[in-house]
Amino acid sequence: MVLIFTDNEQLDRDLSKKIDDSRIVYYPDYVLEEKDATTLIATIQPNKYNFKDFMFKVREKNIQVILILENEKVKELKDALMLGIYDIIFDPFDLEDVCNKITNPNPFSKVSKYIKEMIRLENI
């Protein structure tokens, strides 16, 4: 089951049409209570949990997260990477980019440049 939690009605509908076995959700508690979820497609959105706490709870359930971010400068990128969220898509993107991540998740090497920058690895 793929849960779509983007807070963008048009994007939600478009993704739902393209992804079999998907459901649009509107409340973070639903995401946390869903027992059959394998993937969560999400954006940063206000809810009763802060981003890091919510994503931690999602990752604790071993749910793959495909995170759609505005750009590489958002502060939540660091939290996402530290929680093992490597399937990150930056604007602009197309629906195929998102759908592809469901079956072809990013390897660590795809996001390692952001992690190097975060922890300032040198001489590697």
PDB file of N, CA and C in Angstrom:
ATOM      1  N   MET A   1       0.850  -1.187   0.000  1.00  0.00           N
ATOM      2  CA  MET A   1       0.000   0.000   0.000  1.00  0.00           C
ATOM      3  C   MET A   1       0.889   1.241   0.000  1.00  0.00           C
ATOM      4  N   VAL A   2       0.641   2.122  -0.920  1.00  0.00           N
ATOM      5  CA  VAL A   2       1.356   3.392  -1.013  1.00  0.00           C
ATOM      6  C   VAL A   2       0.427   4.484  -0.491  1.00  0.00           C
ATOM      7  N   LEU A   3       0.883   5.192   0.515  1.00  0.00           N
ATOM      8  CA  LEU A   3       0.120   6.302   1.065  1.00  0.00           C
ATOM      9  C   LEU A   3       0.629   7.601   0.460  1.00  0.00           C
ATOM     10  N   ILE A   4      -0.290   8.453   0.059  1.00  0.00           N
ATOM     11  CA  ILE A   4       0.053   9.740  -0.560  1.00  0.00           C
ATOM     12  C   ILE A   4      -0.380  10.838   0.397  1.00  0.00           C
ATOM     13  N   PHE A   5       0.585  11.609   0.871  1.00  0.00           N
ATOM     14  CA  PHE A   5       0.362  12.593   1.938  1.00  0.00           C
ATOM     15  C   PHE A   5       1.103  13.882   1.575  1.00  0.00           C
ATOM     16  N   THR A   6       0.631  14.567   0.527  1.00  0.00           N
ATOM     17  CA  THR A   6       1.381  15.722   0.037  1.00  0.00           C
ATOM     18  C   THR A   6       0.760  17.078   0.338  1.00  0.00           C
ATOM     19  N   ASP A   7      -0.486  17.102   0.734  1.00  0.00           N
ATOM     20  CA  ASP A   7      -1.176  18.362   0.986  1.00  0.00           C
ATOM     21  C   ASP A   7      -1.328  19.206  -0.289  1.00  0.00           C
ATOM     22  N   ASN A   8      -1.299  18.535  -1.437  1.00  0.00           N
ATOM     23  CA  ASN A   8      -1.503  19.181  -2.724  1.00  0.00           C
ATOM     24  C   ASN A   8      -2.539  18.340  -3.463  1.00  0.00           C
ATOM     25  N   GLU A   9      -3.769  18.820  -3.518  1.00  0.00           N
ATOM     26  CA  GLU A   9      -4.871  18.020  -4.052  1.00  0.00           C
ATOM     27  C   GLU A   9      -4.624  17.518  -5.467  1.00  0.00           C
ATOM     28  N   GLN A  10      -4.121  18.369  -6.333  1.00  0.00           N
ATOM     29  CA  GLN A  10      -3.891  17.956  -7.719  1.00  0.00           C
ATOM     30  C   GLN A  10      -2.800  16.893  -7.795  1.00  0.00           C
ATOM     31  N   LEU A  11      -1.705  17.100  -7.093  1.00  0.00           N
ATOM     32  CA  LEU A  11      -0.631  16.121  -7.076  1.00  0.00           C
ATOM     33  C   LEU A  11      -1.127  14.799  -6.490  1.00  0.00           C
ATOM     34  N   ASP A  12      -1.890  14.875  -5.403  1.00  0.00           N
ATOM     35  CA  ASP A  12      -2.454  13.661  -4.804  1.00  0.00           C
ATOM     36  C   ASP A  12      -3.281  12.876  -5.818  1.00  0.00           C
ATOM     37  N   ARG A  13      -4.179  13.555  -6.515  1.00  0.00           N
ATOM     38  CA  ARG A  13      -5.035  12.879  -7.497  1.00  0.00           C
ATOM     39  C   ARG A  13      -4.216  12.277  -8.642  1.00  0.00           C
ATOM     40  N   ASP A  14      -3.261  13.056  -9.138  1.00  0.00           N
ATOM     41  CA  ASP A  14      -2.443  12.571 -10.249  1.00  0.00           C
ATOM     42  C   ASP A  14      -1.628  11.340  -9.852  1.00  0.00           C
ATOM     43  N   LEU A  15      -1.041  11.385  -8.663  1.00  0.00           N
ATOM     44  CA  LEU A  15      -0.265  10.232  -8.193  1.00  0.00           C
ATOM     45  C   LEU A  15      -1.166   9.022  -7.972  1.00  0.00           C
ATOM     46  N   SER A  16      -2.323   9.262  -7.392  1.00  0.00           N
ATOM     47  CA  SER A  16      -3.259   8.177  -7.116  1.00  0.00           C
ATOM     48  C   SER A  16      -3.679   7.457  -8.396  1.00  0.00           C
ATOM     49  N   LYS A  17      -3.843   8.205  -9.470  1.00  0.00           N
ATOM     50  CA  LYS A  17      -4.212   7.608 -10.759  1.00  0.00           C
ATOM     51  C   LYS A  17      -3.090   6.749 -11.336  1.00  0.00           C
ATOM     52  N   LYS A  18      -1.849   7.138 -11.072  1.00  0.00           N
ATOM     53  CA  LYS A  18      -0.699   6.447 -11.652  1.00  0.00           C
ATOM     54  C   LYS A  18      -0.207   5.270 -10.816  1.00  0.00           C
ATOM     55  N   ILE A  19      -0.538   5.248  -9.523  1.00  0.00           N
ATOM     56  CA  ILE A  19       0.027   4.240  -8.624  1.00  0.00           C
ATOM     57  C   ILE A  19      -1.062   3.274  -8.173  1.00  0.00           C
ATOM     58  N   ASP A  20      -0.906   2.032  -8.554  1.00  0.00           N
ATOM     59  CA  ASP A  20      -1.836   1.001  -8.088  1.00  0.00           C
ATOM     60  C   ASP A  20      -1.673   0.821  -6.580  1.00  0.00           C
ATOM     61  N   ASP A  21      -2.736   0.392  -5.942  1.00  0.00           N
ATOM     62  CA  ASP A  21      -2.734   0.122  -4.508  1.00  0.00           C
ATOM     63  C   ASP A  21      -2.241   1.341  -3.713  1.00  0.00           C
ATOM     64  N   SER A  22      -2.821   2.486  -4.017  1.00  0.00           N
ATOM     65  CA  SER A  22      -2.454   3.708  -3.300  1.00  0.00           C
ATOM     66  C   SER A  22      -3.688   4.320  -2.659  1.00  0.00           C
ATOM     67  N   ARG A  23      -3.448   5.141  -1.676  1.00  0.00           N
ATOM     68  CA  ARG A  23      -4.528   5.818  -0.970  1.00  0.00           C
ATOM     69  C   ARG A  23      -4.045   7.218  -0.572  1.00  0.00           C
ATOM     70  N   ILE A  24      -4.874   8.209  -0.823  1.00  0.00           N
ATOM     71  CA  ILE A  24      -4.587   9.578  -0.385  1.00  0.00           C
ATOM     72  C   ILE A  24      -4.985   9.677   1.080  1.00  0.00           C
ATOM     73  N   VAL A  25      -4.088  10.237   1.879  1.00  0.00           N
ATOM     74  CA  VAL A  25      -4.396  10.423   3.297  1.00  0.00           C
ATOM     75  C   VAL A  25      -4.222  11.890   3.662  1.00  0.00           C
ATOM     76  N   TYR A  26      -4.969  12.300   4.685  1.00  0.00           N
ATOM     77  CA  TYR A  26      -4.981  13.711   5.070  1.00  0.00           C
ATOM     78  C   TYR A  26      -4.519  13.951   6.500  1.00  0.00           C
ATOM     79  N   TYR A  27      -4.357  12.895   7.281  1.00  0.00           N
ATOM     80  CA  TYR A  27      -4.018  13.050   8.697  1.00  0.00           C
ATOM     81  C   TYR A  27      -2.799  12.206   9.040  1.00  0.00           C
ATOM     82  N   PRO A  28      -1.869  12.773   9.773  1.00  0.00           N
ATOM     83  CA  PRO A  28      -0.659  12.010  10.116  1.00  0.00           C
ATOM     84  C   PRO A  28      -0.961  10.762  10.940  1.00  0.00           C
ATOM     85  N   ASP A  29      -1.971  10.821  11.799  1.00  0.00           N
ATOM     86  CA  ASP A  29      -2.289   9.644  12.603  1.00  0.00           C
ATOM     87  C   ASP A  29      -2.697   8.462  11.735  1.00  0.00           C
ATOM     88  N   TYR A  30      -3.358   8.731  10.624  1.00  0.00           N
ATOM     89  CA  TYR A  30      -3.741   7.649   9.724  1.00  0.00           C
ATOM     90  C   TYR A  30      -2.491   6.945   9.194  1.00  0.00           C
ATOM     91  N   VAL A  31      -1.496   7.728   8.819  1.00  0.00           N
ATOM     92  CA  VAL A  31      -0.247   7.156   8.320  1.00  0.00           C
ATOM     93  C   VAL A  31       0.362   6.248   9.392  1.00  0.00           C
ATOM     94  N   LEU A  32       0.360   6.722  10.626  1.00  0.00           N
ATOM     95  CA  LEU A  32       0.986   5.960  11.704  1.00  0.00           C
ATOM     96  C   LEU A  32       0.184   4.729  12.102  1.00  0.00           C
ATOM     97  N   GLU A  33      -1.105   4.728  11.833  1.00  0.00           N
ATOM     98  CA  GLU A  33      -1.949   3.594  12.209  1.00  0.00           C
ATOM     99  C   GLU A  33      -2.110   2.572  11.093  1.00  0.00           C
ATOM    100  N   GLU A  34      -1.839   2.943   9.865  1.00  0.00           N
ATOM    101  CA  GLU A  34      -2.018   2.033   8.723  1.00  0.00           C
ATOM    102  C   GLU A  34      -1.053   0.854   8.856  1.00  0.00           C
ATOM    103  N   LYS A  35      -1.588  -0.335   8.825  1.00  0.00           N
ATOM    104  CA  LYS A  35      -0.787  -1.542   9.044  1.00  0.00           C
ATOM    105  C   LYS A  35      -0.153  -2.087   7.761  1.00  0.00           C
ATOM    106  N   ASP A  36      -0.743  -1.799   6.613  1.00  0.00           N
ATOM    107  CA  ASP A  36      -0.261  -2.382   5.365  1.00  0.00           C
ATOM    108  C   ASP A  36       0.581  -1.434   4.521  1.00  0.00           C
ATOM    109  N   ALA A  37       0.928  -0.295   5.050  1.00  0.00           N
ATOM    110  CA  ALA A  37       1.683   0.685   4.265  1.00  0.00           C
ATOM    111  C   ALA A  37       3.113   0.201   4.042  1.00  0.00           C
ATOM    112  N   THR A  38       3.563   0.322   2.807  1.00  0.00           N
ATOM    113  CA  THR A  38       4.948   0.002   2.478  1.00  0.00           C
ATOM    114  C   THR A  38       5.717   1.255   2.080  1.00  0.00           C
ATOM    115  N   THR A  39       4.989   2.244   1.578  1.00  0.00           N
ATOM    116  CA  THR A  39       5.620   3.459   1.067  1.00  0.00           C
ATOM    117  C   THR A  39       4.766   4.666   1.422  1.00  0.00           C
ATOM    118  N   LEU A  40       5.438   5.744   1.750  1.00  0.00           N
ATOM    119  CA  LEU A  40       4.771   7.018   2.007  1.00  0.00           C
ATOM    120  C   LEU A  40       5.376   8.051   1.077  1.00  0.00           C
ATOM    121  N   ILE A  41       4.548   8.690   0.268  1.00  0.00           N
ATOM    122  CA  ILE A  41       4.980   9.807  -0.568  1.00  0.00           C
ATOM    123  C   ILE A  41       4.514  11.056   0.150  1.00  0.00           C
ATOM    124  N   ALA A  42       5.448  11.915   0.530  1.00  0.00           N
ATOM    125  CA  ALA A  42       5.084  13.038   1.385  1.00  0.00           C
ATOM    126  C   ALA A  42       5.859  14.299   1.042  1.00  0.00           C
ATOM    127  N   THR A  43       5.287  15.397   1.493  1.00  0.00           N
ATOM    128  CA  THR A  43       5.961  16.685   1.477  1.00  0.00           C
ATOM    129  C   THR A  43       6.029  17.158   2.921  1.00  0.00           C
ATOM    130  N   ILE A  44       6.748  18.224   3.150  1.00  0.00           N
ATOM    131  CA  ILE A  44       6.746  18.828   4.481  1.00  0.00           C
ATOM    132  C   ILE A  44       5.430  19.569   4.607  1.00  0.00           C
ATOM    133  N   GLN A  45       4.691  19.264   5.644  1.00  0.00           N
ATOM    134  CA  GLN A  45       3.433  19.956   5.841  1.00  0.00           C
ATOM    135  C   GLN A  45       3.145  20.096   7.321  1.00  0.00           C
ATOM    136  N   PRO A  46       2.440  21.136   7.671  1.00  0.00           N
ATOM    137  CA  PRO A  46       2.146  21.325   9.087  1.00  0.00           C
ATOM    138  C   PRO A  46       1.176  20.255   9.576  1.00  0.00           C
ATOM    139  N   ASN A  47       1.482  19.686  10.704  1.00  0.00           N
ATOM    140  CA  ASN A  47       0.563  18.783  11.375  1.00  0.00           C
ATOM    141  C   ASN A  47       0.900  18.789  12.862  1.00  0.00           C
ATOM    142  N   LYS A  48       0.238  17.979  13.628  1.00  0.00           N
ATOM    143  CA  LYS A  48       0.421  18.046  15.070  1.00  0.00           C
ATOM    144  C   LYS A  48       1.791  17.545  15.514  1.00  0.00           C
ATOM    145  N   TYR A  49       2.490  16.827  14.646  1.00  0.00           N
ATOM    146  CA  TYR A  49       3.844  16.379  14.947  1.00  0.00           C
ATOM    147  C   TYR A  49       4.833  17.301  14.244  1.00  0.00           C
ATOM    148  N   ASN A  50       6.015  17.446  14.809  1.00  0.00           N
ATOM    149  CA  ASN A  50       7.011  18.161  14.015  1.00  0.00           C
ATOM    150  C   ASN A  50       7.581  17.178  12.999  1.00  0.00           C
ATOM    151  N   PHE A  51       8.203  17.676  11.974  1.00  0.00           N
ATOM    152  CA  PHE A  51       8.665  16.862  10.856  1.00  0.00           C
ATOM    153  C   PHE A  51       9.542  15.704  11.316  1.00  0.00           C
ATOM    154  N   LYS A  52      10.555  15.999  12.119  1.00  0.00           N
ATOM    155  CA  LYS A  52      11.504  14.963  12.536  1.00  0.00           C
ATOM    156  C   LYS A  52      10.819  13.876  13.360  1.00  0.00           C
ATOM    157  N   ASP A  53       9.964  14.260  14.292  1.00  0.00           N
ATOM    158  CA  ASP A  53       9.262  13.269  15.113  1.00  0.00           C
ATOM    159  C   ASP A  53       8.345  12.395  14.261  1.00  0.00           C
ATOM    160  N   PHE A  54       7.620  13.028  13.353  1.00  0.00           N
ATOM    161  CA  PHE A  54       6.700  12.277  12.499  1.00  0.00           C
ATOM    162  C   PHE A  54       7.456  11.300  11.609  1.00  0.00           C
ATOM    163  N   MET A  55       8.501  11.767  10.950  1.00  0.00           N
ATOM    164  CA  MET A  55       9.256  10.889  10.068  1.00  0.00           C
ATOM    165  C   MET A  55       9.962   9.783  10.840  1.00  0.00           C
ATOM    166  N   PHE A  56      10.383  10.066  12.052  1.00  0.00           N
ATOM    167  CA  PHE A  56      10.981   9.018  12.885  1.00  0.00           C
ATOM    168  C   PHE A  56       9.960   7.906  13.133  1.00  0.00           C
ATOM    169  N   LYS A  57       8.749   8.295  13.473  1.00  0.00           N
ATOM    170  CA  LYS A  57       7.698   7.303  13.730  1.00  0.00           C
ATOM    171  C   LYS A  57       7.371   6.498  12.470  1.00  0.00           C
ATOM    172  N   VAL A  58       7.378   7.160  11.325  1.00  0.00           N
ATOM    173  CA  VAL A  58       7.124   6.468  10.061  1.00  0.00           C
ATOM    174  C   VAL A  58       8.249   5.480   9.771  1.00  0.00           C
ATOM    175  N   ARG A  59       9.484   5.921   9.897  1.00  0.00           N
ATOM    176  CA  ARG A  59      10.635   5.052   9.614  1.00  0.00           C
ATOM    177  C   ARG A  59      10.715   3.901  10.615  1.00  0.00           C
ATOM    178  N   GLU A  60      10.261   4.131  11.831  1.00  0.00           N
ATOM    179  CA  GLU A  60      10.241   3.075  12.841  1.00  0.00           C
ATOM    180  C   GLU A  60       9.358   1.905  12.403  1.00  0.00           C
ATOM    181  N   LYS A  61       8.386   2.204  11.563  1.00  0.00           N
ATOM    182  CA  LYS A  61       7.488   1.168  11.034  1.00  0.00           C
ATOM    183  C   LYS A  61       8.051   0.524   9.759  1.00  0.00           C
ATOM    184  N   ASN A  62       9.290   0.865   9.413  1.00  0.00           N
ATOM    185  CA  ASN A  62       9.957   0.349   8.211  1.00  0.00           C
ATOM    186  C   ASN A  62       9.212   0.696   6.932  1.00  0.00           C
ATOM    187  N   ILE A  63       8.646   1.876   6.900  1.00  0.00           N
ATOM    188  CA  ILE A  63       7.965   2.368   5.704  1.00  0.00           C
ATOM    189  C   ILE A  63       8.961   3.171   4.879  1.00  0.00           C
ATOM    190  N   GLN A  64       9.057   2.848   3.599  1.00  0.00           N
ATOM    191  CA  GLN A  64       9.884   3.631   2.688  1.00  0.00           C
ATOM    192  C   GLN A  64       9.242   5.007   2.559  1.00  0.00           C
ATOM    193  N   VAL A  65      10.050   6.042   2.626  1.00  0.00           N
ATOM    194  CA  VAL A  65       9.546   7.403   2.470  1.00  0.00           C
ATOM    195  C   VAL A  65      10.134   7.992   1.196  1.00  0.00           C
ATOM    196  N   ILE A  66       9.255   8.494   0.351  1.00  0.00           N
ATOM    197  CA  ILE A  66       9.661   9.261  -0.821  1.00  0.00           C
ATOM    198  C   ILE A  66       9.276  10.695  -0.496  1.00  0.00           C
ATOM    199  N   LEU A  67      10.269  11.506  -0.275  1.00  0.00           N
ATOM    200  CA  LEU A  67      10.060  12.864   0.208  1.00  0.00           C
ATOM    201  C   LEU A  67      10.235  13.858  -0.928  1.00  0.00           C
ATOM    202  N   ILE A  68       9.232  14.694  -1.106  1.00  0.00           N
ATOM    203  CA  ILE A  68       9.282  15.733  -2.130  1.00  0.00           C
ATOM    204  C   ILE A  68       9.610  17.053  -1.430  1.00  0.00           C
ATOM    205  N   LEU A  69      10.751  17.618  -1.792  1.00  0.00           N
ATOM    206  CA  LEU A  69      11.202  18.858  -1.165  1.00  0.00           C
ATOM    207  C   LEU A  69      11.313  19.977  -2.195  1.00  0.00           C
ATOM    208  N   GLU A  70      11.182  21.182  -1.690  1.00  0.00           N
ATOM    209  CA  GLU A  70      11.244  22.370  -2.537  1.00  0.00           C
ATOM    210  C   GLU A  70      12.613  22.512  -3.201  1.00  0.00           C
ATOM    211  N   ASN A  71      13.673  22.314  -2.404  1.00  0.00           N
ATOM    212  CA  ASN A  71      15.031  22.440  -2.922  1.00  0.00           C
ATOM    213  C   ASN A  71      16.014  21.802  -1.942  1.00  0.00           C
ATOM    214  N   GLU A  72      17.290  21.885  -2.271  1.00  0.00           N
ATOM    215  CA  GLU A  72      18.332  21.271  -1.447  1.00  0.00           C
ATOM    216  C   GLU A  72      18.668  22.084  -0.209  1.00  0.00           C
ATOM    217  N   LYS A  73      18.085  23.234  -0.060  1.00  0.00           N
ATOM    218  CA  LYS A  73      18.415  24.137   1.050  1.00  0.00           C
ATOM    219  C   LYS A  73      17.476  24.022   2.254  1.00  0.00           C
ATOM    220  N   VAL A  74      16.404  23.259   2.147  1.00  0.00           N
ATOM    221  CA  VAL A  74      15.463  23.189   3.269  1.00  0.00           C
ATOM    222  C   VAL A  74      16.116  22.497   4.455  1.00  0.00           C
ATOM    223  N   LYS A  75      15.841  23.005   5.637  1.00  0.00           N
ATOM    224  CA  LYS A  75      16.487  22.471   6.848  1.00  0.00           C
ATOM    225  C   LYS A  75      16.090  21.032   7.131  1.00  0.00           C
ATOM    226  N   GLU A  76      14.946  20.602   6.664  1.00  0.00           N
ATOM    227  CA  GLU A  76      14.481  19.244   6.922  1.00  0.00           C
ATOM    228  C   GLU A  76      15.279  18.180   6.165  1.00  0.00           C
ATOM    229  N   LEU A  77      16.053  18.591   5.172  1.00  0.00           N
ATOM    230  CA  LEU A  77      16.861  17.630   4.424  1.00  0.00           C
ATOM    231  C   LEU A  77      17.805  16.884   5.362  1.00  0.00           C
ATOM    232  N   LYS A  78      18.440  17.581   6.253  1.00  0.00           N
ATOM    233  CA  LYS A  78      19.365  16.946   7.201  1.00  0.00           C
ATOM    234  C   LYS A  78      18.640  15.913   8.056  1.00  0.00           C
ATOM    235  N   ASP A  79      17.494  16.276   8.603  1.00  0.00           N
ATOM    236  CA  ASP A  79      16.732  15.330   9.421  1.00  0.00           C
ATOM    237  C   ASP A  79      16.330  14.103   8.605  1.00  0.00           C
ATOM    238  N   ALA A  80      15.896  14.325   7.378  1.00  0.00           N
ATOM    239  CA  ALA A  80      15.486  13.210   6.525  1.00  0.00           C
ATOM    240  C   ALA A  80      16.651  12.247   6.305  1.00  0.00           C
ATOM    241  N   LEU A  81      17.805  12.772   5.960  1.00  0.00           N
ATOM    242  CA  LEU A  81      18.959  11.921   5.700  1.00  0.00           C
ATOM    243  C   LEU A  81      19.392  11.166   6.951  1.00  0.00           C
ATOM    244  N   MET A  82      19.349  11.831   8.088  1.00  0.00           N
ATOM    245  CA  MET A  82      19.732  11.169   9.341  1.00  0.00           C
ATOM    246  C   MET A  82      18.762  10.051   9.715  1.00  0.00           C
ATOM    247  N   LEU A  83      17.544  10.120   9.218  1.00  0.00           N
ATOM    248  CA  LEU A  83      16.550   9.077   9.483  1.00  0.00           C
ATOM    249  C   LEU A  83      16.552   7.991   8.403  1.00  0.00           C
ATOM    250  N   GLY A  84      17.501   8.076   7.482  1.00  0.00           N
ATOM    251  CA  GLY A  84      17.601   7.056   6.444  1.00  0.00           C
ATOM    252  C   GLY A  84      16.631   7.245   5.296  1.00  0.00           C
ATOM    253  N   ILE A  85      16.167   8.463   5.125  1.00  0.00           N
ATOM    254  CA  ILE A  85      15.294   8.763   3.989  1.00  0.00           C
ATOM    255  C   ILE A  85      16.194   9.232   2.848  1.00  0.00           C
ATOM    256  N   TYR A  86      16.364   8.350   1.865  1.00  0.00           N
ATOM    257  CA  TYR A  86      17.258   8.643   0.751  1.00  0.00           C
ATOM    258  C   TYR A  86      16.510   8.899  -0.542  1.00  0.00           C
ATOM    259  N   ASP A  87      15.224   8.610  -0.549  1.00  0.00           N
ATOM    260  CA  ASP A  87      14.420   8.831  -1.755  1.00  0.00           C
ATOM    261  C   ASP A  87      13.827  10.231  -1.689  1.00  0.00           C
ATOM    262  N   ILE A  88      14.643  11.171  -2.101  1.00  0.00           N
ATOM    263  CA  ILE A  88      14.288  12.580  -2.020  1.00  0.00           C
ATOM    264  C   ILE A  88      14.229  13.136  -3.443  1.00  0.00           C
ATOM    265  N   ILE A  89      13.140  13.803  -3.724  1.00  0.00           N
ATOM    266  CA  ILE A  89      12.923  14.398  -5.039  1.00  0.00           C
ATOM    267  C   ILE A  89      12.754  15.895  -4.843  1.00  0.00           C
ATOM    268  N   PHE A  90      13.495  16.664  -5.617  1.00  0.00           N
ATOM    269  CA  PHE A  90      13.423  18.118  -5.522  1.00  0.00           C
ATOM    270  C   PHE A  90      12.599  18.680  -6.668  1.00  0.00           C
ATOM    271  N   ASP A  91      11.907  19.784  -6.381  1.00  0.00           N
ATOM    272  CA  ASP A  91      11.195  20.519  -7.419  1.00  0.00           C
ATOM    273  C   ASP A  91      12.212  21.090  -8.393  1.00  0.00           C
ATOM    274  N   PRO A  92      11.934  21.152  -9.636  1.00  0.00           N
ATOM    275  CA  PRO A  92      10.761  20.615 -10.323  1.00  0.00           C
ATOM    276  C   PRO A  92      10.946  19.111 -10.573  1.00  0.00           C
ATOM    277  N   PHE A  93       9.847  18.392 -10.651  1.00  0.00           N
ATOM    278  CA  PHE A  93       9.875  16.960 -10.876  1.00  0.00           C
ATOM    279  C   PHE A  93       8.653  16.592 -11.703  1.00  0.00           C
ATOM    280  N   ASP A  94       8.645  15.374 -12.202  1.00  0.00           N
ATOM    281  CA  ASP A  94       7.428  14.903 -12.875  1.00  0.00           C
ATOM    282  C   ASP A  94       6.942  13.637 -12.171  1.00  0.00           C
ATOM    283  N   LEU A  95       5.744  13.239 -12.487  1.00  0.00           N
ATOM    284  CA  LEU A  95       5.121  12.102 -11.808  1.00  0.00           C
ATOM    285  C   LEU A  95       5.927  10.820 -11.989  1.00  0.00           C
ATOM    286  N   GLU A  96       6.555  10.670 -13.122  1.00  0.00           N
ATOM    287  CA  GLU A  96       7.350   9.464 -13.373  1.00  0.00           C
ATOM    288  C   GLU A  96       8.517   9.369 -12.401  1.00  0.00           C
ATOM    289  N   ASP A  97       9.103  10.506 -12.023  1.00  0.00           N
ATOM    290  CA  ASP A  97      10.196  10.505 -11.042  1.00  0.00           C
ATOM    291  C   ASP A  97       9.719   9.884  -9.729  1.00  0.00           C
ATOM    292  N   VAL A  98       8.542  10.299  -9.302  1.00  0.00           N
ATOM    293  CA  VAL A  98       7.990   9.808  -8.036  1.00  0.00           C
ATOM    294  C   VAL A  98       7.658   8.327  -8.159  1.00  0.00           C
ATOM    295  N   CYS A  99       6.967   7.958  -9.199  1.00  0.00           N
ATOM    296  CA  CYS A  99       6.567   6.548  -9.387  1.00  0.00           C
ATOM    297  C   CYS A  99       7.783   5.637  -9.483  1.00  0.00           C
ATOM    298  N   ASN A 100       8.823   6.094 -10.120  1.00  0.00           N
ATOM    299  CA  ASN A 100      10.039   5.299 -10.270  1.00  0.00           C
ATOM    300  C   ASN A 100      10.690   4.990  -8.924  1.00  0.00           C
ATOM    301  N   LYS A 101      10.599   5.904  -7.983  1.00  0.00           N
ATOM    302  CA  LYS A 101      11.230   5.702  -6.672  1.00  0.00           C
ATOM    303  C   LYS A 101      10.574   4.573  -5.881  1.00  0.00           C
ATOM    304  N   ILE A 102       9.335   4.260  -6.176  1.00  0.00           N
ATOM    305  CA  ILE A 102       8.647   3.188  -5.442  1.00  0.00           C
ATOM    306  C   ILE A 102       9.361   1.859  -5.676  1.00  0.00           C
ATOM    307  N   THR A 103       9.732   1.593  -6.904  1.00  0.00           N
ATOM    308  CA  THR A 103      10.379   0.320  -7.224  1.00  0.00           C
ATOM    309  C   THR A 103      11.894   0.425  -7.362  1.00  0.00           C
ATOM    310  N   ASN A 104      12.410   1.630  -7.487  1.00  0.00           N
ATOM    311  CA  ASN A 104      13.852   1.844  -7.650  1.00  0.00           C
ATOM    312  C   ASN A 104      14.350   2.889  -6.657  1.00  0.00           C
ATOM    313  N   PRO A 105      14.443   2.519  -5.385  1.00  0.00           N
ATOM    314  CA  PRO A 105      14.891   3.506  -4.393  1.00  0.00           C
ATOM    315  C   PRO A 105      16.332   3.944  -4.640  1.00  0.00           C
ATOM    316  N   ASN A 106      16.649   5.128  -4.164  1.00  0.00           N
ATOM    317  CA  ASN A 106      17.999   5.659  -4.311  1.00  0.00           C
ATOM    318  C   ASN A 106      18.993   4.845  -3.494  1.00  0.00           C
ATOM    319  N   PRO A 107      20.158   4.572  -4.057  1.00  0.00           N
ATOM    320  CA  PRO A 107      21.233   3.995  -3.247  1.00  0.00           C
ATOM    321  C   PRO A 107      21.865   5.109  -2.401  1.00  0.00           C
ATOM    322  N   PHE A 108      22.605   4.712  -1.389  1.00  0.00           N
ATOM    323  CA  PHE A 108      23.282   5.672  -0.526  1.00  0.00           C
ATOM    324  C   PHE A 108      24.155   6.627  -1.337  1.00  0.00           C
ATOM    325  N   SER A 109      24.797   6.108  -2.377  1.00  0.00           N
ATOM    326  CA  SER A 109      25.697   6.938  -3.179  1.00  0.00           C
ATOM    327  C   SER A 109      24.993   8.138  -3.806  1.00  0.00           C
ATOM    328  N   LYS A 110      23.704   8.027  -4.024  1.00  0.00           N
ATOM    329  CA  LYS A 110      22.945   9.128  -4.639  1.00  0.00           C
ATOM    330  C   LYS A 110      22.800  10.326  -3.694  1.00  0.00           C
ATOM    331  N   VAL A 111      22.782  10.061  -2.391  1.00  0.00           N
ATOM    332  CA  VAL A 111      22.605  11.143  -1.419  1.00  0.00           C
ATOM    333  C   VAL A 111      23.862  11.422  -0.598  1.00  0.00           C
ATOM    334  N   SER A 112      24.918  10.674  -0.855  1.00  0.00           N
ATOM    335  CA  SER A 112      26.129  10.820  -0.034  1.00  0.00           C
ATOM    336  C   SER A 112      26.708  12.229  -0.090  1.00  0.00           C
ATOM    337  N   LYS A 113      26.533  12.923  -1.211  1.00  0.00           N
ATOM    338  CA  LYS A 113      27.077  14.290  -1.302  1.00  0.00           C
ATOM    339  C   LYS A 113      26.422  15.211  -0.276  1.00  0.00           C
ATOM    340  N   TYR A 114      25.143  15.009   0.007  1.00  0.00           N
ATOM    341  CA  TYR A 114      24.469  15.835   1.009  1.00  0.00           C
ATOM    342  C   TYR A 114      24.955  15.487   2.419  1.00  0.00           C
ATOM    343  N   ILE A 115      25.198  14.208   2.633  1.00  0.00           N
ATOM    344  CA  ILE A 115      25.659  13.772   3.945  1.00  0.00           C
ATOM    345  C   ILE A 115      27.083  14.257   4.186  1.00  0.00           C
ATOM    346  N   LYS A 116      27.937  14.163   3.188  1.00  0.00           N
ATOM    347  CA  LYS A 116      29.299  14.691   3.316  1.00  0.00           C
ATOM    348  C   LYS A 116      29.267  16.160   3.702  1.00  0.00           C
ATOM    349  N   GLU A 117      28.406  16.893   3.051  1.00  0.00           N
ATOM    350  CA  GLU A 117      28.275  18.321   3.330  1.00  0.00           C
ATOM    351  C   GLU A 117      27.784  18.562   4.766  1.00  0.00           C
ATOM    352  N   MET A 118      26.837  17.735   5.201  1.00  0.00           N
ATOM    353  CA  MET A 118      26.283  17.889   6.542  1.00  0.00           C
ATOM    354  C   MET A 118      27.306  17.648   7.627  1.00  0.00           C
ATOM    355  N   ILE A 119      28.088  16.589   7.476  1.00  0.00           N
ATOM    356  CA  ILE A 119      29.026  16.257   8.545  1.00  0.00           C
ATOM    357  C   ILE A 119      30.453  16.674   8.204  1.00  0.00           C
ATOM    358  N   ARG A 120      30.571  17.376   7.081  1.00  0.00           N
ATOM    359  CA  ARG A 120      31.835  17.963   6.659  1.00  0.00           C
ATOM    360  C   ARG A 120      32.977  16.950   6.613  1.00  0.00           C
ATOM    361  N   LEU A 121      32.713  15.856   5.907  1.00  0.00           N
ATOM    362  CA  LEU A 121      33.758  14.861   5.705  1.00  0.00           C
ATOM    363  C   LEU A 121      34.837  15.444   4.798  1.00  0.00           C
ATOM    364  N   GLU A 122      36.057  15.177   5.127  1.00  0.00           N
ATOM    365  CA  GLU A 122      37.151  15.695   4.321  1.00  0.00           C
ATOM    366  C   GLU A 122      38.020  14.549   3.828  1.00  0.00           C
ATOM    367  N   ASN A 123      38.694  14.784   2.728  1.00  0.00           N
ATOM    368  CA  ASN A 123      39.648  13.846   2.171  1.00  0.00           C
ATOM    369  C   ASN A 123      39.046  12.476   1.881  1.00  0.00           C
ATOM    370  N   ILE A 124      37.812  12.437   1.459  1.00  0.00           N
ATOM    371  CA  ILE A 124      37.196  11.152   1.111  1.00  0.00           C
ATOM    372  C   ILE A 124      36.805  11.199  -0.346  1.00  0.00           C
TER     373      ILE A 124
END
